[in-house]
């Protein structure tokens, strides 16, 4: 497995954000993701997702990350910025999931 980027999301209502995030697990899996690490910074009210992919799906996942980055802010998840590989997750680790 390879970690492929950190996405920061504005999540003042973490429970509502988490519900939307969990509903999209099948979409992430179909796009080549194999799991994620989820962090939440209560002080900043931001969620950080570290996506992971299988080595055989790395090229597909990179294409999807580039597509999402080009889209800018995505309405359904309301991230506070584009995917940025230089970001480091902050806050408490909530979970590490393998799909």
PDB file of N, CA and C in Angstrom:
ATOM      1  N   UNK A   1       0.839  -1.180   0.000  1.00  0.00           N
ATOM      2  CA  UNK A   1       0.000   0.000   0.000  1.00  0.00           C
ATOM      3  C   UNK A   1       0.884   1.243   0.000  1.00  0.00           C
ATOM      4  N   UNK A   2       0.383   2.280  -0.655  1.00  0.00           N
ATOM      5  CA  UNK A   2       1.091   3.551  -0.750  1.00  0.00           C
ATOM      6  C   UNK A   2       0.182   4.677  -0.289  1.00  0.00           C
ATOM      7  N   UNK A   3       0.705   5.562   0.557  1.00  0.00           N
ATOM      8  CA  UNK A   3      -0.063   6.753   0.946  1.00  0.00           C
ATOM      9  C   UNK A   3       0.009   7.748  -0.200  1.00  0.00           C
ATOM     10  N   UNK A   4      -1.125   8.328  -0.553  1.00  0.00           N
ATOM     11  CA  UNK A   4      -1.179   9.218  -1.720  1.00  0.00           C
ATOM     12  C   UNK A   4      -1.895  10.521  -1.412  1.00  0.00           C
ATOM     13  N   UNK A   5      -1.369  11.279  -0.531  1.00  0.00           N
ATOM     14  CA  UNK A   5      -1.928  12.604  -0.324  1.00  0.00           C
ATOM     15  C   UNK A   5      -2.777  12.738   0.919  1.00  0.00           C
ATOM     16  N   UNK A   6      -2.829  13.966   1.367  1.00  0.00           N
ATOM     17  CA  UNK A   6      -3.631  14.330   2.527  1.00  0.00           C
ATOM     18  C   UNK A   6      -4.640  15.366   2.070  1.00  0.00           C
ATOM     19  N   UNK A   7      -5.888  15.160   2.432  1.00  0.00           N
ATOM     20  CA  UNK A   7      -6.934  16.123   2.093  1.00  0.00           C
ATOM     21  C   UNK A   7      -7.463  16.713   3.394  1.00  0.00           C
ATOM     22  N   UNK A   8      -7.526  18.033   3.433  1.00  0.00           N
ATOM     23  CA  UNK A   8      -8.034  18.731   4.620  1.00  0.00           C
ATOM     24  C   UNK A   8      -9.459  19.184   4.330  1.00  0.00           C
ATOM     25  N   UNK A   9     -10.372  18.892   5.263  1.00  0.00           N
ATOM     26  CA  UNK A   9     -11.776  19.275   5.117  1.00  0.00           C
ATOM     27  C   UNK A   9     -12.197  20.137   6.299  1.00  0.00           C
ATOM     28  N   UNK A  10     -12.938  21.187   6.031  1.00  0.00           N
ATOM     29  CA  UNK A  10     -13.573  21.958   7.088  1.00  0.00           C
ATOM     30  C   UNK A  10     -14.728  21.111   7.615  1.00  0.00           C
ATOM     31  N   UNK A  11     -14.727  20.839   8.917  1.00  0.00           N
ATOM     32  CA  UNK A  11     -15.744  19.946   9.479  1.00  0.00           C
ATOM     33  C   UNK A  11     -16.187  20.424  10.859  1.00  0.00           C
ATOM     34  N   UNK A  12     -16.846  21.598  10.932  1.00  0.00           N
ATOM     35  CA  UNK A  12     -17.302  22.082  12.235  1.00  0.00           C
ATOM     36  C   UNK A  12     -18.323  21.151  12.887  1.00  0.00           C
ATOM     37  N   UNK A  13     -19.134  20.484  12.080  1.00  0.00           N
ATOM     38  CA  UNK A  13     -20.064  19.465  12.580  1.00  0.00           C
ATOM     39  C   UNK A  13     -19.502  18.120  12.140  1.00  0.00           C
ATOM     40  N   UNK A  14     -18.571  17.587  12.943  1.00  0.00           N
ATOM     41  CA  UNK A  14     -17.850  16.380  12.542  1.00  0.00           C
ATOM     42  C   UNK A  14     -18.792  15.212  12.272  1.00  0.00           C
ATOM     43  N   UNK A  15     -19.828  15.043  13.071  1.00  0.00           N
ATOM     44  CA  UNK A  15     -20.758  13.917  12.879  1.00  0.00           C
ATOM     45  C   UNK A  15     -21.435  13.988  11.512  1.00  0.00           C
ATOM     46  N   UNK A  16     -21.881  15.170  11.109  1.00  0.00           N
ATOM     47  CA  UNK A  16     -22.528  15.328   9.796  1.00  0.00           C
ATOM     48  C   UNK A  16     -21.517  15.117   8.674  1.00  0.00           C
ATOM     49  N   UNK A  17     -20.319  15.675   8.837  1.00  0.00           N
ATOM     50  CA  UNK A  17     -19.276  15.494   7.829  1.00  0.00           C
ATOM     51  C   UNK A  17     -18.925  14.020   7.700  1.00  0.00           C
ATOM     52  N   UNK A  18     -18.782  13.353   8.844  1.00  0.00           N
ATOM     53  CA  UNK A  18     -18.399  11.929   8.863  1.00  0.00           C
ATOM     54  C   UNK A  18     -19.433  11.068   8.145  1.00  0.00           C
ATOM     55  N   UNK A  19     -20.710  11.400   8.320  1.00  0.00           N
ATOM     56  CA  UNK A  19     -21.770  10.645   7.647  1.00  0.00           C
ATOM     57  C   UNK A  19     -21.593  10.727   6.134  1.00  0.00           C
ATOM     58  N   UNK A  20     -21.361  11.933   5.609  1.00  0.00           N
ATOM     59  CA  UNK A  20     -21.141  12.093   4.165  1.00  0.00           C
ATOM     60  C   UNK A  20     -19.878  11.364   3.725  1.00  0.00           C
ATOM     61  N   UNK A  21     -18.830  11.470   4.514  1.00  0.00           N
ATOM     62  CA  UNK A  21     -17.568  10.813   4.186  1.00  0.00           C
ATOM     63  C   UNK A  21     -17.762   9.300   4.098  1.00  0.00           C
ATOM     64  N   UNK A  22     -18.427   8.732   5.077  1.00  0.00           N
ATOM     65  CA  UNK A  22     -18.649   7.282   5.097  1.00  0.00           C
ATOM     66  C   UNK A  22     -19.517   6.819   3.932  1.00  0.00           C
ATOM     67  N   UNK A  23     -20.469   7.645   3.503  1.00  0.00           N
ATOM     68  CA  UNK A  23     -21.343   7.282   2.379  1.00  0.00           C
ATOM     69  C   UNK A  23     -20.569   7.148   1.070  1.00  0.00           C
ATOM     70  N   UNK A  24     -19.385   7.733   0.991  1.00  0.00           N
ATOM     71  CA  UNK A  24     -18.603   7.721  -0.250  1.00  0.00           C
ATOM     72  C   UNK A  24     -17.507   6.650  -0.273  1.00  0.00           C
ATOM     73  N   UNK A  25     -17.534   5.719   0.664  1.00  0.00           N
ATOM     74  CA  UNK A  25     -16.490   4.698   0.720  1.00  0.00           C
ATOM     75  C   UNK A  25     -16.450   3.854  -0.553  1.00  0.00           C
ATOM     76  N   UNK A  26     -17.602   3.472  -1.090  1.00  0.00           N
ATOM     77  CA  UNK A  26     -17.638   2.659  -2.312  1.00  0.00           C
ATOM     78  C   UNK A  26     -17.054   3.423  -3.499  1.00  0.00           C
ATOM     79  N   UNK A  27     -17.278   4.730  -3.539  1.00  0.00           N
ATOM     80  CA  UNK A  27     -16.726   5.558  -4.619  1.00  0.00           C
ATOM     81  C   UNK A  27     -15.206   5.576  -4.524  1.00  0.00           C
ATOM     82  N   UNK A  28     -14.688   5.768  -3.305  1.00  0.00           N
ATOM     83  CA  UNK A  28     -13.235   5.774  -3.134  1.00  0.00           C
ATOM     84  C   UNK A  28     -12.647   4.423  -3.529  1.00  0.00           C
ATOM     85  N   UNK A  29     -13.277   3.364  -3.126  1.00  0.00           N
ATOM     86  CA  UNK A  29     -12.786   2.021  -3.461  1.00  0.00           C
ATOM     87  C   UNK A  29     -12.782   1.810  -4.977  1.00  0.00           C
ATOM     88  N   UNK A  30     -13.836   2.246  -5.664  1.00  0.00           N
ATOM     89  CA  UNK A  30     -13.923   2.099  -7.122  1.00  0.00           C
ATOM     90  C   UNK A  30     -12.850   2.919  -7.836  1.00  0.00           C
ATOM     91  N   UNK A  31     -12.381   3.991  -7.202  1.00  0.00           N
ATOM     92  CA  UNK A  31     -11.363   4.847  -7.803  1.00  0.00           C
ATOM     93  C   UNK A  31      -9.939   4.406  -7.479  1.00  0.00           C
ATOM     94  N   UNK A  32      -9.786   3.242  -6.859  1.00  0.00           N
ATOM     95  CA  UNK A  32      -8.455   2.703  -6.611  1.00  0.00           C
ATOM     96  C   UNK A  32      -7.924   2.869  -5.204  1.00  0.00           C
ATOM     97  N   UNK A  33      -8.668   3.563  -4.338  1.00  0.00           N
ATOM     98  CA  UNK A  33      -8.232   3.719  -2.956  1.00  0.00           C
ATOM     99  C   UNK A  33      -8.408   2.377  -2.234  1.00  0.00           C
ATOM    100  N   UNK A  34      -7.484   2.060  -1.317  1.00  0.00           N
ATOM    101  CA  UNK A  34      -7.588   0.812  -0.560  1.00  0.00           C
ATOM    102  C   UNK A  34      -7.838   1.048   0.919  1.00  0.00           C
ATOM    103  N   UNK A  35      -7.794   2.295   1.338  1.00  0.00           N
ATOM    104  CA  UNK A  35      -8.033   2.594   2.739  1.00  0.00           C
ATOM    105  C   UNK A  35      -7.744   4.050   3.030  1.00  0.00           C
ATOM    106  N   UNK A  36      -7.822   4.402   4.302  1.00  0.00           N
ATOM    107  CA  UNK A  36      -7.524   5.778   4.703  1.00  0.00           C
ATOM    108  C   UNK A  36      -7.188   5.828   6.182  1.00  0.00           C
ATOM    109  N   UNK A  37      -6.527   6.897   6.570  1.00  0.00           N
ATOM    110  CA  UNK A  37      -6.353   7.264   7.970  1.00  0.00           C
ATOM    111  C   UNK A  37      -7.143   8.552   8.148  1.00  0.00           C
ATOM    112  N   UNK A  38      -7.891   8.649   9.218  1.00  0.00           N
ATOM    113  CA  UNK A  38      -8.720   9.826   9.474  1.00  0.00           C
ATOM    114  C   UNK A  38      -8.276  10.487  10.775  1.00  0.00           C
ATOM    115  N   UNK A  39      -8.046  11.786  10.707  1.00  0.00           N
ATOM    116  CA  UNK A  39      -7.656  12.590  11.864  1.00  0.00           C
ATOM    117  C   UNK A  39      -8.657  13.730  12.013  1.00  0.00           C
ATOM    118  N   UNK A  40      -8.840  14.206  13.245  1.00  0.00           N
ATOM    119  CA  UNK A  40      -9.703  15.359  13.465  1.00  0.00           C
ATOM    120  C   UNK A  40      -9.039  16.311  14.450  1.00  0.00           C
ATOM    121  N   UNK A  41      -8.939  17.563  14.056  1.00  0.00           N
ATOM    122  CA  UNK A  41      -8.385  18.621  14.894  1.00  0.00           C
ATOM    123  C   UNK A  41      -9.561  19.412  15.464  1.00  0.00           C
ATOM    124  N   UNK A  42      -9.870  19.170  16.734  1.00  0.00           N
ATOM    125  CA  UNK A  42     -11.025  19.832  17.355  1.00  0.00           C
ATOM    126  C   UNK A  42     -10.847  21.342  17.429  1.00  0.00           C
ATOM    127  N   UNK A  43      -9.645  21.804  17.684  1.00  0.00           N
ATOM    128  CA  UNK A  43      -9.411  23.247  17.810  1.00  0.00           C
ATOM    129  C   UNK A  43      -9.693  23.972  16.493  1.00  0.00           C
ATOM    130  N   UNK A  44      -9.265  23.396  15.387  1.00  0.00           N
ATOM    131  CA  UNK A  44      -9.477  24.024  14.073  1.00  0.00           C
ATOM    132  C   UNK A  44     -10.748  23.533  13.392  1.00  0.00           C
ATOM    133  N   UNK A  45     -11.376  22.511  13.959  1.00  0.00           N
ATOM    134  CA  UNK A  45     -12.577  21.892  13.383  1.00  0.00           C
ATOM    135  C   UNK A  45     -12.322  21.454  11.940  1.00  0.00           C
ATOM    136  N   UNK A  46     -11.210  20.730  11.766  1.00  0.00           N
ATOM    137  CA  UNK A  46     -10.829  20.227  10.455  1.00  0.00           C
ATOM    138  C   UNK A  46     -10.565  18.731  10.525  1.00  0.00           C
ATOM    139  N   UNK A  47     -10.997  18.039   9.479  1.00  0.00           N
ATOM    140  CA  UNK A  47     -10.700  16.615   9.329  1.00  0.00           C
ATOM    141  C   UNK A  47      -9.598  16.479   8.287  1.00  0.00           C
ATOM    142  N   UNK A  48      -8.679  15.563   8.535  1.00  0.00           N
ATOM    143  CA  UNK A  48      -7.596  15.268   7.602  1.00  0.00           C
ATOM    144  C   UNK A  48      -7.708  13.801   7.214  1.00  0.00           C
ATOM    145  N   UNK A  49      -7.700  13.543   5.909  1.00  0.00           N
ATOM    146  CA  UNK A  49      -7.797  12.175   5.412  1.00  0.00           C
ATOM    147  C   UNK A  49      -6.514  11.857   4.651  1.00  0.00           C
ATOM    148  N   UNK A  50      -5.817  10.803   5.085  1.00  0.00           N
ATOM    149  CA  UNK A  50      -4.641  10.307   4.381  1.00  0.00           C
ATOM    150  C   UNK A  50      -5.115   9.095   3.591  1.00  0.00           C
ATOM    151  N   UNK A  51      -5.160   9.230   2.257  1.00  0.00           N
ATOM    152  CA  UNK A  51      -5.637   8.138   1.413  1.00  0.00           C
ATOM    153  C   UNK A  51      -4.510   7.157   1.133  1.00  0.00           C
ATOM    154  N   UNK A  52      -4.853   5.875   1.032  1.00  0.00           N
ATOM    155  CA  UNK A  52      -3.892   4.850   0.646  1.00  0.00           C
ATOM    156  C   UNK A  52      -4.433   4.081  -0.547  1.00  0.00           C
ATOM    157  N   UNK A  53      -3.513   3.610  -1.380  1.00  0.00           N
ATOM    158  CA  UNK A  53      -3.884   2.839  -2.569  1.00  0.00           C
ATOM    159  C   UNK A  53      -2.971   1.630  -2.677  1.00  0.00           C
ATOM    160  N   UNK A  54      -3.469   0.597  -3.357  1.00  0.00           N
ATOM    161  CA  UNK A  54      -2.635  -0.554  -3.668  1.00  0.00           C
ATOM    162  C   UNK A  54      -1.645  -0.156  -4.747  1.00  0.00           C
ATOM    163  N   UNK A  55      -0.474  -0.761  -4.731  1.00  0.00           N
ATOM    164  CA  UNK A  55       0.549  -0.405  -5.711  1.00  0.00           C
ATOM    165  C   UNK A  55       0.070  -0.601  -7.142  1.00  0.00           C
ATOM    166  N   UNK A  56      -0.812  -1.566  -7.371  1.00  0.00           N
ATOM    167  CA  UNK A  56      -1.321  -1.821  -8.722  1.00  0.00           C
ATOM    168  C   UNK A  56      -2.327  -0.760  -9.176  1.00  0.00           C
ATOM    169  N   UNK A  57      -2.823   0.066  -8.271  1.00  0.00           N
ATOM    170  CA  UNK A  57      -3.810   1.110  -8.597  1.00  0.00           C
ATOM    171  C   UNK A  57      -3.242   2.519  -8.438  1.00  0.00           C
ATOM    172  N   UNK A  58      -1.943   2.617  -8.253  1.00  0.00           N
ATOM    173  CA  UNK A  58      -1.328   3.910  -7.973  1.00  0.00           C
ATOM    174  C   UNK A  58      -1.551   4.915  -9.102  1.00  0.00           C
ATOM    175  N   UNK A  59      -1.368   4.508 -10.346  1.00  0.00           N
ATOM    176  CA  UNK A  59      -1.563   5.430 -11.470  1.00  0.00           C
ATOM    177  C   UNK A  59      -3.008   5.914 -11.556  1.00  0.00           C
ATOM    178  N   UNK A  60      -3.974   5.002 -11.375  1.00  0.00           N
ATOM    179  CA  UNK A  60      -5.390   5.375 -11.397  1.00  0.00           C
ATOM    180  C   UNK A  60      -5.700   6.371 -10.280  1.00  0.00           C
ATOM    181  N   UNK A  61      -5.209   6.099  -9.090  1.00  0.00           N
ATOM    182  CA  UNK A  61      -5.474   6.984  -7.957  1.00  0.00           C
ATOM    183  C   UNK A  61      -4.849   8.360  -8.173  1.00  0.00           C
ATOM    184  N   UNK A  62      -3.649   8.413  -8.743  1.00  0.00           N
ATOM    185  CA  UNK A  62      -3.013   9.706  -9.021  1.00  0.00           C
ATOM    186  C   UNK A  62      -3.851  10.515 -10.003  1.00  0.00           C
ATOM    187  N   UNK A  63      -4.408   9.852 -11.011  1.00  0.00           N
ATOM    188  CA  UNK A  63      -5.267  10.546 -11.975  1.00  0.00           C
ATOM    189  C   UNK A  63      -6.490  11.134 -11.280  1.00  0.00           C
ATOM    190  N   UNK A  64      -7.084  10.365 -10.369  1.00  0.00           N
ATOM    191  CA  UNK A  64      -8.257  10.861  -9.649  1.00  0.00           C
ATOM    192  C   UNK A  64      -7.887  12.017  -8.721  1.00  0.00           C
ATOM    193  N   UNK A  65      -6.742  11.933  -8.050  1.00  0.00           N
ATOM    194  CA  UNK A  65      -6.315  13.029  -7.173  1.00  0.00           C
ATOM    195  C   UNK A  65      -6.078  14.297  -7.995  1.00  0.00           C
ATOM    196  N   UNK A  66      -5.461  14.156  -9.174  1.00  0.00           N
ATOM    197  CA  UNK A  66      -5.230  15.319 -10.040  1.00  0.00           C
ATOM    198  C   UNK A  66      -6.561  15.923 -10.492  1.00  0.00           C
ATOM    199  N   UNK A  67      -7.521  15.060 -10.822  1.00  0.00           N
ATOM    200  CA  UNK A  67      -8.846  15.536 -11.236  1.00  0.00           C
ATOM    201  C   UNK A  67      -9.512  16.318 -10.104  1.00  0.00           C
ATOM    202  N   UNK A  68      -9.503  15.744  -8.892  1.00  0.00           N
ATOM    203  CA  UNK A  68     -10.141  16.408  -7.758  1.00  0.00           C
ATOM    204  C   UNK A  68      -9.434  17.725  -7.432  1.00  0.00           C
ATOM    205  N   UNK A  69      -8.110  17.742  -7.519  1.00  0.00           N
ATOM    206  CA  UNK A  69      -7.368  18.968  -7.237  1.00  0.00           C
ATOM    207  C   UNK A  69      -7.750  20.058  -8.236  1.00  0.00           C
ATOM    208  N   UNK A  70      -7.901  19.687  -9.499  1.00  0.00           N
ATOM    209  CA  UNK A  70      -8.273  20.655 -10.535  1.00  0.00           C
ATOM    210  C   UNK A  70      -9.683  21.209 -10.320  1.00  0.00           C
ATOM    211  N   UNK A  71     -10.543  20.440  -9.655  1.00  0.00           N
ATOM    212  CA  UNK A  71     -11.918  20.877  -9.412  1.00  0.00           C
ATOM    213  C   UNK A  71     -12.005  21.963  -8.344  1.00  0.00           C
ATOM    214  N   UNK A  72     -10.975  22.082  -7.532  1.00  0.00           N
ATOM    215  CA  UNK A  72     -11.018  23.060  -6.445  1.00  0.00           C
ATOM    216  C   UNK A  72     -11.948  22.576  -5.352  1.00  0.00           C
ATOM    217  N   UNK A  73     -12.717  23.484  -4.787  1.00  0.00           N
ATOM    218  CA  UNK A  73     -13.613  23.113  -3.692  1.00  0.00           C
ATOM    219  C   UNK A  73     -14.743  22.242  -4.201  1.00  0.00           C
ATOM    220  N   UNK A  74     -14.936  21.116  -3.548  1.00  0.00           N
ATOM    221  CA  UNK A  74     -15.989  20.182  -3.926  1.00  0.00           C
ATOM    222  C   UNK A  74     -17.186  20.423  -3.022  1.00  0.00           C
ATOM    223  N   UNK A  75     -18.312  20.675  -3.626  1.00  0.00           N
ATOM    224  CA  UNK A  75     -19.505  21.073  -2.884  1.00  0.00           C
ATOM    225  C   UNK A  75     -19.950  20.013  -1.885  1.00  0.00           C
ATOM    226  N   UNK A  76     -19.950  18.742  -2.290  1.00  0.00           N
ATOM    227  CA  UNK A  76     -20.546  17.735  -1.412  1.00  0.00           C
ATOM    228  C   UNK A  76     -19.764  17.500  -0.127  1.00  0.00           C
ATOM    229  N   UNK A  77     -18.470  17.765  -0.108  1.00  0.00           N
ATOM    230  CA  UNK A  77     -17.688  17.554   1.106  1.00  0.00           C
ATOM    231  C   UNK A  77     -17.173  18.869   1.695  1.00  0.00           C
ATOM    232  N   UNK A  78     -17.247  19.948   0.947  1.00  0.00           N
ATOM    233  CA  UNK A  78     -16.828  21.279   1.387  1.00  0.00           C
ATOM    234  C   UNK A  78     -15.422  21.285   2.007  1.00  0.00           C
ATOM    235  N   UNK A  79     -14.412  20.832   1.259  1.00  0.00           N
ATOM    236  CA  UNK A  79     -13.063  20.887   1.828  1.00  0.00           C
ATOM    237  C   UNK A  79     -12.573  22.329   1.921  1.00  0.00           C
ATOM    238  N   UNK A  80     -11.651  22.560   2.801  1.00  0.00           N
ATOM    239  CA  UNK A  80     -11.125  23.912   2.959  1.00  0.00           C
ATOM    240  C   UNK A  80      -9.976  24.182   2.002  1.00  0.00           C
ATOM    241  N   UNK A  81      -9.596  23.213   1.199  1.00  0.00           N
ATOM    242  CA  UNK A  81      -8.533  23.427   0.227  1.00  0.00           C
ATOM    243  C   UNK A  81      -8.367  22.223  -0.671  1.00  0.00           C
ATOM    244  N   UNK A  82      -7.591  22.375  -1.734  1.00  0.00           N
ATOM    245  CA  UNK A  82      -7.324  21.276  -2.652  1.00  0.00           C
ATOM    246  C   UNK A  82      -6.425  20.240  -1.987  1.00  0.00           C
ATOM    247  N   UNK A  83      -6.436  19.007  -2.500  1.00  0.00           N
ATOM    248  CA  UNK A  83      -5.493  18.023  -1.958  1.00  0.00           C
ATOM    249  C   UNK A  83      -4.074  18.584  -2.036  1.00  0.00           C
ATOM    250  N   UNK A  84      -3.327  18.405  -0.996  1.00  0.00           N
ATOM    251  CA  UNK A  84      -1.972  18.948  -0.928  1.00  0.00           C
ATOM    252  C   UNK A  84      -1.078  17.897  -0.298  1.00  0.00           C
ATOM    253  N   UNK A  85      -0.143  17.377  -1.079  1.00  0.00           N
ATOM    254  CA  UNK A  85       0.722  16.304  -0.593  1.00  0.00           C
ATOM    255  C   UNK A  85       1.681  16.766   0.496  1.00  0.00           C
ATOM    256  N   UNK A  86       1.832  18.070   0.675  1.00  0.00           N
ATOM    257  CA  UNK A  86       2.751  18.563   1.692  1.00  0.00           C
ATOM    258  C   UNK A  86       2.079  18.720   3.055  1.00  0.00           C
ATOM    259  N   UNK A  87       0.763  18.607   3.104  1.00  0.00           N
ATOM    260  CA  UNK A  87       0.063  18.723   4.386  1.00  0.00           C
ATOM    261  C   UNK A  87       0.380  17.534   5.282  1.00  0.00           C
ATOM    262  N   UNK A  88       0.436  17.781   6.558  1.00  0.00           N
ATOM    263  CA  UNK A  88       0.547  16.701   7.529  1.00  0.00           C
ATOM    264  C   UNK A  88      -0.737  16.708   8.344  1.00  0.00           C
ATOM    265  N   UNK A  89      -1.279  15.536   8.636  1.00  0.00           N
ATOM    266  CA  UNK A  89      -2.515  15.509   9.424  1.00  0.00           C
ATOM    267  C   UNK A  89      -2.285  16.071  10.817  1.00  0.00           C
ATOM    268  N   UNK A  90      -3.330  16.699  11.340  1.00  0.00           N
ATOM    269  CA  UNK A  90      -3.281  17.266  12.688  1.00  0.00           C
ATOM    270  C   UNK A  90      -4.443  16.696  13.486  1.00  0.00           C
ATOM    271  N   UNK A  91      -4.332  16.803  14.776  1.00  0.00           N
ATOM    272  CA  UNK A  91      -5.424  16.367  15.634  1.00  0.00           C
ATOM    273  C   UNK A  91      -5.280  14.917  16.049  1.00  0.00           C
ATOM    274  N   UNK A  92      -6.352  14.385  16.571  1.00  0.00           N
ATOM    275  CA  UNK A  92      -6.365  13.013  17.064  1.00  0.00           C
ATOM    276  C   UNK A  92      -6.686  12.043  15.941  1.00  0.00           C
ATOM    277  N   UNK A  93      -5.942  10.945  15.893  1.00  0.00           N
ATOM    278  CA  UNK A  93      -6.224   9.919  14.896  1.00  0.00           C
ATOM    279  C   UNK A  93      -7.528   9.242  15.291  1.00  0.00           C
ATOM    280  N   UNK A  94      -8.491   9.247  14.377  1.00  0.00           N
ATOM    281  CA  UNK A  94      -9.799   8.664  14.633  1.00  0.00           C
ATOM    282  C   UNK A  94      -9.808   7.192  14.249  1.00  0.00           C
ATOM    283  N   UNK A  95      -9.243   6.881  13.071  1.00  0.00           N
ATOM    284  CA  UNK A  95      -9.265   5.495  12.621  1.00  0.00           C
ATOM    285  C   UNK A  95      -8.278   5.286  11.490  1.00  0.00           C
ATOM    286  N   UNK A  96      -7.967   4.021  11.233  1.00  0.00           N
ATOM    287  CA  UNK A  96      -7.221   3.604  10.053  1.00  0.00           C
ATOM    288  C   UNK A  96      -8.001   2.440   9.463  1.00  0.00           C
ATOM    289  N   UNK A  97      -8.479   2.586   8.221  1.00  0.00           N
ATOM    290  CA  UNK A  97      -9.394   1.624   7.608  1.00  0.00           C
ATOM    291  C   UNK A  97      -8.775   1.040   6.353  1.00  0.00           C
ATOM    292  N   UNK A  98      -8.899  -0.272   6.184  1.00  0.00           N
ATOM    293  CA  UNK A  98      -8.536  -0.948   4.942  1.00  0.00           C
ATOM    294  C   UNK A  98      -9.832  -1.395   4.304  1.00  0.00           C
ATOM    295  N   UNK A  99     -10.041  -1.036   3.036  1.00  0.00           N
ATOM    296  CA  UNK A  99     -11.290  -1.365   2.354  1.00  0.00           C
ATOM    297  C   UNK A  99     -11.282  -2.796   1.849  1.00  0.00           C
TER     298      UNK A  99
END
